[in-house]
Amino acid sequence: PTKLFDLLVLTLCQQAPAFTTSLDYAKLVTAVLTMY
């Protein structure tokens, strides 16, 4: 759903600085960019 997707993207963007060295975060962002 659009609201849920927008919240997911917003959360990933806002919290990116906390995950600068996280491989799991990088995989997650890649999955979001690929799937959507």
Full PDB file with SEQRES, HELIX, SHEET, SSBOND, CRYST1, ORIGX, SCALE, CONECT and MASTER records, all heavy atoms in Angstrom:
SEQRES   1 A   36  PRO THR LYS LEU PHE ASP LEU LEU VAL LEU THR LEU CYS          
SEQRES   2 A   36  GLN GLN ALA PRO ALA PHE THR THR SER LEU ASP TYR ALA          
SEQRES   3 A   36  LYS LEU VAL THR ALA VAL LEU THR MET TYR                      
HELIX    1 AA1 THR A    2  GLN A   14  1                                  13    
HELIX    2 AA2 ALA A   16  PHE A   19  5                                   4    
HELIX    3 AA3 LEU A   23  MET A   35  1                                  13    
CRYST1    1.000    1.000    1.000  90.00  90.00  90.00 P 1           1          
ORIGX1      1.000000  0.000000  0.000000        0.00000                         
ORIGX2      0.000000  1.000000  0.000000        0.00000                         
ORIGX3      0.000000  0.000000  1.000000        0.00000                         
SCALE1      1.000000  0.000000  0.000000        0.00000                         
SCALE2      0.000000  1.000000  0.000000        0.00000                         
SCALE3      0.000000  0.000000  1.000000        0.00000                         
ATOM      1  N   PRO A   1       0.849  -1.201   0.000  1.00  0.00           N  
ATOM      2  CA  PRO A   1       0.000   0.000   0.000  1.00  0.00           C  
ATOM      3  C   PRO A   1       0.885   1.251   0.000  1.00  0.00           C  
ATOM      4  O   PRO A   1       1.946   1.269   0.631  1.00  0.00           O  
ATOM      5  CB  PRO A   1      -0.782  -0.121   1.312  1.00  0.00           C  
ATOM      6  CG  PRO A   1      -0.742  -1.580   1.649  1.00  0.00           C  
ATOM      7  CD  PRO A   1       0.558  -2.097   1.113  1.00  0.00           C  
ATOM      8  N   THR A   2       0.442   2.275  -0.714  1.00  0.00           N  
ATOM      9  CA  THR A   2       1.249   3.482  -0.904  1.00  0.00           C  
ATOM     10  C   THR A   2       1.721   4.083   0.412  1.00  0.00           C  
ATOM     11  O   THR A   2       2.895   4.437   0.556  1.00  0.00           O  
ATOM     12  CB  THR A   2       0.458   4.525  -1.710  1.00  0.00           C  
ATOM     13  OG1 THR A   2       0.042   3.922  -2.938  1.00  0.00           O  
ATOM     14  CG2 THR A   2       1.301   5.751  -2.015  1.00  0.00           C  
ATOM     15  N   LYS A   3       0.820   4.200   1.395  1.00  0.00           N  
ATOM     16  CA  LYS A   3       1.210   4.794   2.686  1.00  0.00           C  
ATOM     17  C   LYS A   3       2.321   3.986   3.347  1.00  0.00           C  
ATOM     18  O   LYS A   3       3.269   4.546   3.889  1.00  0.00           O  
ATOM     19  CB  LYS A   3       0.004   4.866   3.628  1.00  0.00           C  
ATOM     20  CG  LYS A   3      -0.867   6.081   3.451  1.00  0.00           C  
ATOM     21  CD  LYS A   3      -2.034   6.055   4.405  1.00  0.00           C  
ATOM     22  CE  LYS A   3      -1.652   6.620   5.745  1.00  0.00           C  
ATOM     23  NZ  LYS A   3      -2.810   6.822   6.639  1.00  0.00           N  
ATOM     24  N   LEU A   4       2.207   2.657   3.298  1.00  0.00           N  
ATOM     25  CA  LEU A   4       3.199   1.793   3.931  1.00  0.00           C  
ATOM     26  C   LEU A   4       4.524   1.868   3.187  1.00  0.00           C  
ATOM     27  O   LEU A   4       5.595   1.944   3.796  1.00  0.00           O  
ATOM     28  CB  LEU A   4       2.679   0.357   3.989  1.00  0.00           C  
ATOM     29  CG  LEU A   4       3.451  -0.641   4.833  1.00  0.00           C  
ATOM     30  CD1 LEU A   4       3.614  -0.143   6.264  1.00  0.00           C  
ATOM     31  CD2 LEU A   4       2.761  -1.994   4.820  1.00  0.00           C  
ATOM     32  N   PHE A   5       4.469   1.879   1.857  1.00  0.00           N  
ATOM     33  CA  PHE A   5       5.691   1.992   1.057  1.00  0.00           C  
ATOM     34  C   PHE A   5       6.378   3.328   1.327  1.00  0.00           C  
ATOM     35  O   PHE A   5       7.598   3.382   1.522  1.00  0.00           O  
ATOM     36  CB  PHE A   5       5.387   1.844  -0.436  1.00  0.00           C  
ATOM     37  CG  PHE A   5       6.609   2.022  -1.286  1.00  0.00           C  
ATOM     38  CD1 PHE A   5       7.556   1.012  -1.368  1.00  0.00           C  
ATOM     39  CD2 PHE A   5       6.829   3.198  -1.970  1.00  0.00           C  
ATOM     40  CE1 PHE A   5       8.706   1.179  -2.129  1.00  0.00           C  
ATOM     41  CE2 PHE A   5       7.970   3.369  -2.735  1.00  0.00           C  
ATOM     42  CZ  PHE A   5       8.910   2.366  -2.815  1.00  0.00           C  
ATOM     43  N   ASP A   6       5.614   4.413   1.331  1.00  0.00           N  
ATOM     44  CA  ASP A   6       6.189   5.737   1.598  1.00  0.00           C  
ATOM     45  C   ASP A   6       6.839   5.787   2.976  1.00  0.00           C  
ATOM     46  O   ASP A   6       7.923   6.372   3.140  1.00  0.00           O  
ATOM     47  CB  ASP A   6       5.120   6.829   1.486  1.00  0.00           C  
ATOM     48  CG  ASP A   6       4.639   7.042   0.055  1.00  0.00           C  
ATOM     49  OD1 ASP A   6       5.301   6.535  -0.893  1.00  0.00           O  
ATOM     50  OD2 ASP A   6       3.602   7.706  -0.130  1.00  0.00           O  
ATOM     51  N   LEU A   7       6.196   5.174   3.971  1.00  0.00           N  
ATOM     52  CA  LEU A   7       6.762   5.146   5.322  1.00  0.00           C  
ATOM     53  C   LEU A   7       8.046   4.321   5.354  1.00  0.00           C  
ATOM     54  O   LEU A   7       9.024   4.709   6.013  1.00  0.00           O  
ATOM     55  CB  LEU A   7       5.736   4.579   6.308  1.00  0.00           C  
ATOM     56  CG  LEU A   7       6.141   4.554   7.774  1.00  0.00           C  
ATOM     57  CD1 LEU A   7       6.507   5.948   8.277  1.00  0.00           C  
ATOM     58  CD2 LEU A   7       5.016   3.966   8.619  1.00  0.00           C  
ATOM     59  N   LEU A   8       8.079   3.224   4.625  1.00  0.00           N  
ATOM     60  CA  LEU A   8       9.291   2.392   4.543  1.00  0.00           C  
ATOM     61  C   LEU A   8      10.439   3.195   3.954  1.00  0.00           C  
ATOM     62  O   LEU A   8      11.539   3.244   4.512  1.00  0.00           O  
ATOM     63  CB  LEU A   8       9.025   1.135   3.713  1.00  0.00           C  
ATOM     64  CG  LEU A   8      10.244   0.274   3.367  1.00  0.00           C  
ATOM     65  CD1 LEU A   8      10.915  -0.270   4.629  1.00  0.00           C  
ATOM     66  CD2 LEU A   8       9.851  -0.860   2.431  1.00  0.00           C  
ATOM     67  N   VAL A   9      10.193   3.855   2.821  1.00  0.00           N  
ATOM     68  CA  VAL A   9      11.241   4.637   2.157  1.00  0.00           C  
ATOM     69  C   VAL A   9      11.694   5.790   3.053  1.00  0.00           C  
ATOM     70  O   VAL A   9      12.897   6.031   3.210  1.00  0.00           O  
ATOM     71  CB  VAL A   9      10.759   5.144   0.777  1.00  0.00           C  
ATOM     72  CG1 VAL A   9      11.746   6.138   0.178  1.00  0.00           C  
ATOM     73  CG2 VAL A   9      10.539   3.961  -0.156  1.00  0.00           C  
ATOM     74  N   LEU A  10      10.748   6.475   3.664  1.00  0.00           N  
ATOM     75  CA  LEU A  10      11.080   7.585   4.563  1.00  0.00           C  
ATOM     76  C   LEU A  10      11.935   7.105   5.729  1.00  0.00           C  
ATOM     77  O   LEU A  10      12.942   7.719   6.082  1.00  0.00           O  
ATOM     78  CB  LEU A  10       9.793   8.241   5.073  1.00  0.00           C  
ATOM     79  CG  LEU A  10       9.960   9.440   6.006  1.00  0.00           C  
ATOM     80  CD1 LEU A  10      10.632  10.594   5.278  1.00  0.00           C  
ATOM     81  CD2 LEU A  10       8.621   9.861   6.569  1.00  0.00           C  
ATOM     82  N   THR A  11      11.549   5.983   6.330  1.00  0.00           N  
ATOM     83  CA  THR A  11      12.302   5.418   7.458  1.00  0.00           C  
ATOM     84  C   THR A  11      13.714   5.041   7.029  1.00  0.00           C  
ATOM     85  O   THR A  11      14.691   5.350   7.728  1.00  0.00           O  
ATOM     86  CB  THR A  11      11.571   4.185   8.025  1.00  0.00           C  
ATOM     87  OG1 THR A  11      10.269   4.590   8.461  1.00  0.00           O  
ATOM     88  CG2 THR A  11      12.323   3.582   9.192  1.00  0.00           C  
ATOM     89  N   LEU A  12      13.839   4.383   5.881  1.00  0.00           N  
ATOM     90  CA  LEU A  12      15.169   3.989   5.392  1.00  0.00           C  
ATOM     91  C   LEU A  12      16.039   5.216   5.130  1.00  0.00           C  
ATOM     92  O   LEU A  12      17.230   5.204   5.445  1.00  0.00           O  
ATOM     93  CB  LEU A  12      15.043   3.136   4.125  1.00  0.00           C  
ATOM     94  CG  LEU A  12      14.459   1.744   4.318  1.00  0.00           C  
ATOM     95  CD1 LEU A  12      14.247   1.061   2.973  1.00  0.00           C  
ATOM     96  CD2 LEU A  12      15.338   0.889   5.222  1.00  0.00           C  
ATOM     97  N   CYS A  13      15.444   6.267   4.581  1.00  0.00           N  
ATOM     98  CA  CYS A  13      16.208   7.492   4.303  1.00  0.00           C  
ATOM     99  C   CYS A  13      16.618   8.213   5.587  1.00  0.00           C  
ATOM    100  O   CYS A  13      17.765   8.617   5.748  1.00  0.00           O  
ATOM    101  CB  CYS A  13      15.404   8.432   3.413  1.00  0.00           C  
ATOM    102  SG  CYS A  13      15.178   7.823   1.738  1.00  0.00           S  
ATOM    103  N   GLN A  14      15.667   8.363   6.498  1.00  0.00           N  
ATOM    104  CA  GLN A  14      15.943   9.105   7.731  1.00  0.00           C  
ATOM    105  C   GLN A  14      16.965   8.397   8.608  1.00  0.00           C  
ATOM    106  O   GLN A  14      17.749   9.052   9.292  1.00  0.00           O  
ATOM    107  CB  GLN A  14      14.653   9.301   8.530  1.00  0.00           C  
ATOM    108  CG  GLN A  14      13.723  10.325   7.944  1.00  0.00           C  
ATOM    109  CD  GLN A  14      12.437  10.450   8.751  1.00  0.00           C  
ATOM    110  OE1 GLN A  14      12.044   9.532   9.467  1.00  0.00           O  
ATOM    111  NE2 GLN A  14      11.770  11.587   8.622  1.00  0.00           N  
ATOM    112  N   GLN A  15      16.966   7.078   8.601  1.00  0.00           N  
ATOM    113  CA  GLN A  15      17.837   6.356   9.511  1.00  0.00           C  
ATOM    114  C   GLN A  15      19.110   5.853   8.848  1.00  0.00           C  
ATOM    115  O   GLN A  15      19.901   5.143   9.473  1.00  0.00           O  
ATOM    116  CB  GLN A  15      17.049   5.221  10.163  1.00  0.00           C  
ATOM    117  CG  GLN A  15      15.892   5.789  10.975  1.00  0.00           C  
ATOM    118  CD  GLN A  15      15.224   4.774  11.861  1.00  0.00           C  
ATOM    119  OE1 GLN A  15      15.785   3.753  12.220  1.00  0.00           O  
ATOM    120  NE2 GLN A  15      13.995   5.068  12.248  1.00  0.00           N  
ATOM    121  N   ALA A  16      19.331   6.243   7.609  1.00  0.00           N  
ATOM    122  CA  ALA A  16      20.533   5.810   6.878  1.00  0.00           C  
ATOM    123  C   ALA A  16      21.835   6.128   7.615  1.00  0.00           C  
ATOM    124  O   ALA A  16      22.739   5.282   7.649  1.00  0.00           O  
ATOM    125  CB  ALA A  16      20.544   6.416   5.479  1.00  0.00           C  
ATOM    126  N   PRO A  17      21.985   7.321   8.232  1.00  0.00           N  
ATOM    127  CA  PRO A  17      23.258   7.612   8.906  1.00  0.00           C  
ATOM    128  C   PRO A  17      23.633   6.606  10.004  1.00  0.00           C  
ATOM    129  O   PRO A  17      24.806   6.382  10.277  1.00  0.00           O  
ATOM    130  CB  PRO A  17      23.034   9.008   9.511  1.00  0.00           C  
ATOM    131  CG  PRO A  17      21.995   9.631   8.632  1.00  0.00           C  
ATOM    132  CD  PRO A  17      21.094   8.488   8.227  1.00  0.00           C  
ATOM    133  N   ALA A  18      22.642   5.961  10.603  1.00  0.00           N  
ATOM    134  CA  ALA A  18      22.922   4.992  11.672  1.00  0.00           C  
ATOM    135  C   ALA A  18      23.430   3.660  11.120  1.00  0.00           C  
ATOM    136  O   ALA A  18      23.913   2.822  11.876  1.00  0.00           O  
ATOM    137  CB  ALA A  18      21.672   4.756  12.506  1.00  0.00           C  
ATOM    138  N   PHE A  19      23.328   3.460   9.805  1.00  0.00           N  
ATOM    139  CA  PHE A  19      23.667   2.175   9.212  1.00  0.00           C  
ATOM    140  C   PHE A  19      24.751   2.286   8.138  1.00  0.00           C  
ATOM    141  O   PHE A  19      24.781   1.500   7.199  1.00  0.00           O  
ATOM    142  CB  PHE A  19      22.410   1.539   8.594  1.00  0.00           C  
ATOM    143  CG  PHE A  19      21.349   1.209   9.589  1.00  0.00           C  
ATOM    144  CD1 PHE A  19      20.252   2.040   9.762  1.00  0.00           C  
ATOM    145  CD2 PHE A  19      21.442   0.077  10.375  1.00  0.00           C  
ATOM    146  CE1 PHE A  19      19.267   1.738  10.683  1.00  0.00           C  
ATOM    147  CE2 PHE A  19      20.466  -0.236  11.311  1.00  0.00           C  
ATOM    148  CZ  PHE A  19      19.380   0.608  11.468  1.00  0.00           C  
ATOM    149  N   THR A  20      25.667   3.242   8.308  1.00  0.00           N  
ATOM    150  CA  THR A  20      26.684   3.477   7.270  1.00  0.00           C  
ATOM    151  C   THR A  20      27.587   2.272   7.033  1.00  0.00           C  
ATOM    152  O   THR A  20      28.119   2.116   5.938  1.00  0.00           O  
ATOM    153  CB  THR A  20      27.551   4.707   7.613  1.00  0.00           C  
ATOM    154  OG1 THR A  20      28.097   4.522   8.918  1.00  0.00           O  
ATOM    155  CG2 THR A  20      26.747   5.984   7.539  1.00  0.00           C  
ATOM    156  N   THR A  21      27.742   1.403   8.024  1.00  0.00           N  
ATOM    157  CA  THR A  21      28.621   0.236   7.846  1.00  0.00           C  
ATOM    158  C   THR A  21      27.849  -1.083   7.849  1.00  0.00           C  
ATOM    159  O   THR A  21      28.450  -2.147   7.952  1.00  0.00           O  
ATOM    160  CB  THR A  21      29.682   0.187   8.968  1.00  0.00           C  
ATOM    161  OG1 THR A  21      29.017   0.098  10.232  1.00  0.00           O  
ATOM    162  CG2 THR A  21      30.571   1.426   8.928  1.00  0.00           C  
ATOM    163  N   SER A  22      26.537  -1.025   7.717  1.00  0.00           N  
ATOM    164  CA  SER A  22      25.707  -2.229   7.820  1.00  0.00           C  
ATOM    165  C   SER A  22      25.493  -2.879   6.453  1.00  0.00           C  
ATOM    166  O   SER A  22      24.882  -2.297   5.557  1.00  0.00           O  
ATOM    167  CB  SER A  22      24.353  -1.884   8.437  1.00  0.00           C  
ATOM    168  OG  SER A  22      23.485  -2.990   8.349  1.00  0.00           O  
ATOM    169  N   LEU A  23      25.962  -4.100   6.339  1.00  0.00           N  
ATOM    170  CA  LEU A  23      25.740  -4.870   5.119  1.00  0.00           C  
ATOM    171  C   LEU A  23      24.258  -5.224   4.976  1.00  0.00           C  
ATOM    172  O   LEU A  23      23.712  -5.178   3.860  1.00  0.00           O  
ATOM    173  CB  LEU A  23      26.601  -6.133   5.138  1.00  0.00           C  
ATOM    174  CG  LEU A  23      26.551  -7.004   3.889  1.00  0.00           C  
ATOM    175  CD1 LEU A  23      26.964  -6.217   2.655  1.00  0.00           C  
ATOM    176  CD2 LEU A  23      27.451  -8.220   4.064  1.00  0.00           C  
ATOM    177  N   ASP A  24      23.588  -5.554   6.088  1.00  0.00           N  
ATOM    178  CA  ASP A  24      22.155  -5.880   6.036  1.00  0.00           C  
ATOM    179  C   ASP A  24      21.329  -4.686   5.558  1.00  0.00           C  
ATOM    180  O   ASP A  24      20.369  -4.847   4.805  1.00  0.00           O  
ATOM    181  CB  ASP A  24      21.647  -6.349   7.403  1.00  0.00           C  
ATOM    182  CG  ASP A  24      22.095  -7.759   7.741  1.00  0.00           C  
ATOM    183  OD1 ASP A  24      22.420  -8.524   6.811  1.00  0.00           O  
ATOM    184  OD2 ASP A  24      22.129  -8.091   8.948  1.00  0.00           O  
ATOM    185  N   TYR A  25      21.706  -3.486   5.988  1.00  0.00           N  
ATOM    186  CA  TYR A  25      20.996  -2.282   5.545  1.00  0.00           C  
ATOM    187  C   TYR A  25      21.197  -2.083   4.047  1.00  0.00           C  
ATOM    188  O   TYR A  25      20.240  -1.781   3.318  1.00  0.00           O  
ATOM    189  CB  TYR A  25      21.486  -1.060   6.331  1.00  0.00           C  
ATOM    190  CG  TYR A  25      20.803   0.216   5.917  1.00  0.00           C  
ATOM    191  CD1 TYR A  25      19.553   0.533   6.427  1.00  0.00           C  
ATOM    192  CD2 TYR A  25      21.392   1.085   5.009  1.00  0.00           C  
ATOM    193  CE1 TYR A  25      18.902   1.699   6.040  1.00  0.00           C  
ATOM    194  CE2 TYR A  25      20.748   2.254   4.620  1.00  0.00           C  
ATOM    195  CZ  TYR A  25      19.510   2.544   5.133  1.00  0.00           C  
ATOM    196  OH  TYR A  25      18.863   3.700   4.746  1.00  0.00           O  
ATOM    197  N   ALA A  26      22.418  -2.266   3.582  1.00  0.00           N  
ATOM    198  CA  ALA A  26      22.701  -2.122   2.147  1.00  0.00           C  
ATOM    199  C   ALA A  26      21.891  -3.126   1.333  1.00  0.00           C  
ATOM    200  O   ALA A  26      21.325  -2.790   0.280  1.00  0.00           O  
ATOM    201  CB  ALA A  26      24.187  -2.298   1.888  1.00  0.00           C  
ATOM    202  N   LYS A  27      21.802  -4.366   1.817  1.00  0.00           N  
ATOM    203  CA  LYS A  27      21.004  -5.386   1.127  1.00  0.00           C  
ATOM    204  C   LYS A  27      19.524  -4.994   1.096  1.00  0.00           C  
ATOM    205  O   LYS A  27      18.836  -5.189   0.096  1.00  0.00           O  
ATOM    206  CB  LYS A  27      21.147  -6.742   1.829  1.00  0.00           C  
ATOM    207  CG  LYS A  27      22.478  -7.417   1.632  1.00  0.00           C  
ATOM    208  CD  LYS A  27      22.491  -8.730   2.408  1.00  0.00           C  
ATOM    209  CE  LYS A  27      23.831  -9.415   2.369  1.00  0.00           C  
ATOM    210  NZ  LYS A  27      23.851 -10.637   3.201  1.00  0.00           N  
ATOM    211  N   LEU A  28      19.050  -4.454   2.201  1.00  0.00           N  
ATOM    212  CA  LEU A  28      17.654  -4.056   2.294  1.00  0.00           C  
ATOM    213  C   LEU A  28      17.335  -2.923   1.317  1.00  0.00           C  
ATOM    214  O   LEU A  28      16.338  -2.974   0.591  1.00  0.00           O  
ATOM    215  CB  LEU A  28      17.324  -3.640   3.728  1.00  0.00           C  
ATOM    216  CG  LEU A  28      15.902  -3.209   4.020  1.00  0.00           C  
ATOM    217  CD1 LEU A  28      14.909  -4.300   3.646  1.00  0.00           C  
ATOM    218  CD2 LEU A  28      15.767  -2.854   5.494  1.00  0.00           C  
ATOM    219  N   VAL A  29      18.171  -1.916   1.285  1.00  0.00           N  
ATOM    220  CA  VAL A  29      17.953  -0.800   0.369  1.00  0.00           C  
ATOM    221  C   VAL A  29      18.002  -1.293  -1.083  1.00  0.00           C  
ATOM    222  O   VAL A  29      17.169  -0.915  -1.911  1.00  0.00           O  
ATOM    223  CB  VAL A  29      18.981   0.330   0.611  1.00  0.00           C  
ATOM    224  CG1 VAL A  29      18.927   1.380  -0.492  1.00  0.00           C  
ATOM    225  CG2 VAL A  29      18.733   0.971   1.973  1.00  0.00           C  
ATOM    226  N   THR A  30      18.957  -2.168  -1.383  1.00  0.00           N  
ATOM    227  CA  THR A  30      19.048  -2.737  -2.735  1.00  0.00           C  
ATOM    228  C   THR A  30      17.774  -3.502  -3.091  1.00  0.00           C  
ATOM    229  O   THR A  30      17.253  -3.382  -4.205  1.00  0.00           O  
ATOM    230  CB  THR A  30      20.282  -3.660  -2.849  1.00  0.00           C  
ATOM    231  OG1 THR A  30      21.444  -2.901  -2.510  1.00  0.00           O  
ATOM    232  CG2 THR A  30      20.418  -4.235  -4.239  1.00  0.00           C  
ATOM    233  N   ALA A  31      17.256  -4.275  -2.144  1.00  0.00           N  
ATOM    234  CA  ALA A  31      16.017  -5.026  -2.383  1.00  0.00           C  
ATOM    235  C   ALA A  31      14.845  -4.091  -2.649  1.00  0.00           C  
ATOM    236  O   ALA A  31      14.046  -4.324  -3.564  1.00  0.00           O  
ATOM    237  CB  ALA A  31      15.716  -5.935  -1.190  1.00  0.00           C  
ATOM    238  N   VAL A  32      14.743  -3.013  -1.874  1.00  0.00           N  
ATOM    239  CA  VAL A  32      13.657  -2.051  -2.075  1.00  0.00           C  
ATOM    240  C   VAL A  32      13.781  -1.404  -3.448  1.00  0.00           C  
ATOM    241  O   VAL A  32      12.798  -1.301  -4.198  1.00  0.00           O  
ATOM    242  CB  VAL A  32      13.644  -0.979  -0.955  1.00  0.00           C  
ATOM    243  CG1 VAL A  32      12.698   0.167  -1.295  1.00  0.00           C  
ATOM    244  CG2 VAL A  32      13.262  -1.606   0.376  1.00  0.00           C  
ATOM    245  N   LEU A  33      15.000  -0.984  -3.808  1.00  0.00           N  
ATOM    246  CA  LEU A  33      15.204  -0.339  -5.108  1.00  0.00           C  
ATOM    247  C   LEU A  33      14.925  -1.285  -6.267  1.00  0.00           C  
ATOM    248  O   LEU A  33      14.405  -0.888  -7.304  1.00  0.00           O  
ATOM    249  CB  LEU A  33      16.626   0.210  -5.207  1.00  0.00           C  
ATOM    250  CG  LEU A  33      16.957   1.383  -4.279  1.00  0.00           C  
ATOM    251  CD1 LEU A  33      18.443   1.718  -4.344  1.00  0.00           C  
ATOM    252  CD2 LEU A  33      16.109   2.597  -4.624  1.00  0.00           C  
ATOM    253  N   THR A  34      15.244  -2.564  -6.085  1.00  0.00           N  
ATOM    254  CA  THR A  34      15.020  -3.558  -7.139  1.00  0.00           C  
ATOM    255  C   THR A  34      13.544  -3.908  -7.266  1.00  0.00           C  
ATOM    256  O   THR A  34      12.980  -3.903  -8.365  1.00  0.00           O  
ATOM    257  CB  THR A  34      15.829  -4.838  -6.842  1.00  0.00           C  
ATOM    258  OG1 THR A  34      17.207  -4.487  -6.714  1.00  0.00           O  
ATOM    259  CG2 THR A  34      15.664  -5.858  -7.945  1.00  0.00           C  
ATOM    260  N   MET A  35      12.906  -4.198  -6.141  1.00  0.00           N  
ATOM    261  CA  MET A  35      11.508  -4.639  -6.163  1.00  0.00           C  
ATOM    262  C   MET A  35      10.536  -3.528  -6.523  1.00  0.00           C  
ATOM    263  O   MET A  35       9.498  -3.764  -7.137  1.00  0.00           O  
ATOM    264  CB  MET A  35      11.101  -5.214  -4.804  1.00  0.00           C  
ATOM    265  CG  MET A  35      11.730  -6.534  -4.468  1.00  0.00           C  
ATOM    266  SD  MET A  35      11.295  -7.072  -2.802  1.00  0.00           S  
ATOM    267  CE  MET A  35       9.538  -7.350  -2.958  1.00  0.00           C  
ATOM    268  N   TYR A  36      10.857  -2.311  -6.117  1.00  0.00           N  
ATOM    269  CA  TYR A  36       9.907  -1.209  -6.274  1.00  0.00           C  
ATOM    270  C   TYR A  36      10.487  -0.067  -7.099  1.00  0.00           C  
ATOM    271  O   TYR A  36      10.177   1.082  -6.852  1.00  0.00           O  
ATOM    272  CB  TYR A  36       9.471  -0.708  -4.887  1.00  0.00           C  
ATOM    273  CG  TYR A  36       8.820  -1.784  -4.065  1.00  0.00           C  
ATOM    274  CD1 TYR A  36       9.502  -2.422  -3.043  1.00  0.00           C  
ATOM    275  CD2 TYR A  36       7.511  -2.171  -4.316  1.00  0.00           C  
ATOM    276  CE1 TYR A  36       8.895  -3.426  -2.294  1.00  0.00           C  
ATOM    277  CE2 TYR A  36       6.898  -3.170  -3.573  1.00  0.00           C  
ATOM    278  CZ  TYR A  36       7.598  -3.791  -2.578  1.00  0.00           C  
ATOM    279  OH  TYR A  36       7.000  -4.776  -1.837  1.00  0.00           O  
TER     280      TYR A  36                                                      
MASTER        0    0    0    3    0    0    0    6  279    1    0    3          
END                                                                             
